[in-house]
C-alpha atoms as a PDB file:
ATOM      1  CA  UNK A   1      48.054 -70.789  33.112  1.00  0.00           C
ATOM      2  CA  UNK A   2      47.110 -68.082  35.124  1.00  0.00           C
ATOM      3  CA  UNK A   3      46.762 -67.953  38.833  1.00  0.00           C
ATOM      4  CA  UNK A   4      43.271 -67.274  40.041  1.00  0.00           C
ATOM      5  CA  UNK A   5      44.858 -63.739  41.350  1.00  0.00           C
ATOM      6  CA  UNK A   6      45.656 -62.971  37.935  1.00  0.00           C
ATOM      7  CA  UNK A   7      42.137 -63.727  36.312  1.00  0.00           C
ATOM      8  CA  UNK A   8      40.758 -61.806  39.359  1.00  0.00           C
ATOM      9  CA  UNK A   9      42.940 -58.698  38.740  1.00  0.00           C
ATOM     10  CA  UNK A  10      42.550 -58.601  34.850  1.00  0.00           C
ATOM     11  CA  UNK A  11      38.737 -58.965  35.931  1.00  0.00           C
ATOM     12  CA  UNK A  12      38.502 -56.024  38.017  1.00  0.00           C
ATOM     13  CA  UNK A  13      40.214 -54.049  35.379  1.00  0.00           C
ATOM     14  CA  UNK A  14      38.126 -54.653  32.720  1.00  0.00           C
ATOM     15  CA  UNK A  15      35.337 -51.424  32.269  1.00  0.00           C
ATOM     16  CA  UNK A  16      32.069 -51.981  33.989  1.00  0.00           C
ATOM     17  CA  UNK A  17      30.049 -53.134  31.258  1.00  0.00           C
ATOM     18  CA  UNK A  18      32.228 -55.350  29.807  1.00  0.00           C
ATOM     19  CA  UNK A  19      32.562 -56.742  33.443  1.00  0.00           C
ATOM     20  CA  UNK A  20      28.917 -57.249  33.634  1.00  0.00           C
ATOM     21  CA  UNK A  21      28.642 -58.768  30.719  1.00  0.00           C
ATOM     22  CA  UNK A  22      31.345 -61.444  31.165  1.00  0.00           C
ATOM     23  CA  UNK A  23      29.128 -61.672  34.731  1.00  0.00           C
ATOM     24  CA  UNK A  24      25.882 -62.303  33.065  1.00  0.00           C
ATOM     25  CA  UNK A  25      27.186 -65.188  30.703  1.00  0.00           C
ATOM     26  CA  UNK A  26      29.323 -66.699  33.724  1.00  0.00           C
ATOM     27  CA  UNK A  27      25.691 -67.180  35.483  1.00  0.00           C
ATOM     28  CA  UNK A  28      24.056 -68.038  32.644  1.00  0.00           C
ATOM     29  CA  UNK A  29      26.400 -70.804  31.908  1.00  0.00           C
ATOM     30  CA  UNK A  30      26.008 -72.038  35.951  1.00  0.00           C
ATOM     31  CA  UNK A  31      22.635 -71.983  35.193  1.00  0.00           C
ATOM     32  CA  UNK A  32      22.647 -74.170  32.332  1.00  0.00           C
ATOM     33  CA  UNK A  33      24.864 -76.208  34.148  1.00  0.00           C
ATOM     34  CA  UNK A  34      23.107 -76.745  37.317  1.00  0.00           C
ATOM     35  CA  UNK A  35      19.618 -77.528  35.016  1.00  0.00           C
ATOM     36  CA  UNK A  36      21.324 -80.305  32.939  1.00  0.00           C
ATOM     37  CA  UNK A  37      22.928 -81.352  36.117  1.00  0.00           C
ATOM     38  CA  UNK A  38      19.070 -81.333  37.927  1.00  0.00           C
ATOM     39  CA  UNK A  39      17.706 -82.871  34.960  1.00  0.00           C
ATOM     40  CA  UNK A  40      19.980 -86.230  34.662  1.00  0.00           C
ATOM     41  CA  UNK A  41      19.654 -86.270  38.641  1.00  0.00           C
ATOM     42  CA  UNK A  42      15.901 -85.931  38.429  1.00  0.00           C
ATOM     43  CA  UNK A  43      15.843 -88.485  35.796  1.00  0.00           C
ATOM     44  CA  UNK A  44      18.002 -91.217  37.660  1.00  0.00           C
ATOM     45  CA  UNK A  45      15.585 -90.712  40.644  1.00  0.00           C
ATOM     46  CA  UNK A  46      12.469 -91.375  38.569  1.00  0.00           C
ATOM     47  CA  UNK A  47      14.372 -94.722  37.281  1.00  0.00           C
ATOM     48  CA  UNK A  48      15.232 -95.686  40.415  1.00  0.00           C
ATOM     49  CA  UNK A  49      11.738 -95.023  41.729  1.00  0.00           C
ATOM     50  CA  UNK A  50      10.248 -97.388  38.975  1.00  0.00           C
ATOM     51  CA  UNK A  51      12.050-100.073  41.074  1.00  0.00           C
ATOM     52  CA  UNK A  52      11.321 -99.208  44.246  1.00  0.00           C
ATOM     53  CA  UNK A  53       8.315-101.500  45.321  1.00  0.00           C
ATOM     54  CA  UNK A  54       7.403 -99.120  48.693  1.00  0.00           C
ATOM     55  CA  UNK A  55       6.913 -96.214  45.843  1.00  0.00           C
ATOM     56  CA  UNK A  56       5.382 -98.182  43.845  1.00  0.00           C
ATOM     57  CA  UNK A  57       2.680 -99.779  46.222  1.00  0.00           C
ATOM     58  CA  UNK A  58       2.166 -96.265  47.456  1.00  0.00           C
ATOM     59  CA  UNK A  59       1.635 -94.540  43.875  1.00  0.00           C
ATOM     60  CA  UNK A  60      -0.667 -97.274  43.459  1.00  0.00           C
ATOM     61  CA  UNK A  61      -2.511 -96.447  46.613  1.00  0.00           C
ATOM     62  CA  UNK A  62      -3.199 -92.735  45.712  1.00  0.00           C
ATOM     63  CA  UNK A  63      -4.212 -93.684  42.172  1.00  0.00           C
ATOM     64  CA  UNK A  64      -6.833 -96.017  44.104  1.00  0.00           C
ATOM     65  CA  UNK A  65      -7.489 -93.063  46.055  1.00  0.00           C
ATOM     66  CA  UNK A  66      -8.124 -90.428  43.446  1.00  0.00           C
ATOM     67  CA  UNK A  67     -10.356 -92.955  41.358  1.00  0.00           C
ATOM     68  CA  UNK A  68     -13.599 -91.566  41.891  1.00  0.00           C
ATOM     69  CA  UNK A  69     -12.733 -88.436  42.401  1.00  0.00           C
ATOM     70  CA  UNK A  70     -11.374 -88.038  38.760  1.00  0.00           C
ATOM     71  CA  UNK A  71     -14.253 -89.378  37.721  1.00  0.00           C
ATOM     72  CA  UNK A  72     -16.548 -87.013  38.903  1.00  0.00           C
ATOM     73  CA  UNK A  73     -17.267 -83.548  37.299  1.00  0.00           C
ATOM     74  CA  UNK A  74     -17.173 -80.164  38.701  1.00  0.00           C
ATOM     75  CA  UNK A  75     -20.260 -78.673  40.025  1.00  0.00           C
END
């Protein structure tokens, strides 16, 4: 297995266009992983919120506040 120093040295020895392509691919992979992790975390938070009595009470209160506004037409 290569050390991090060996990998860094190998990357710096790449042609600039190859280095940029590698960095772009790495950035894309990182963003996809972050997005997937965020989606999973958001889904878990939504599941937990549906069991939270305070959250549900607040949600119903806001829904009641907007009940009449939602039925009005824009002038």
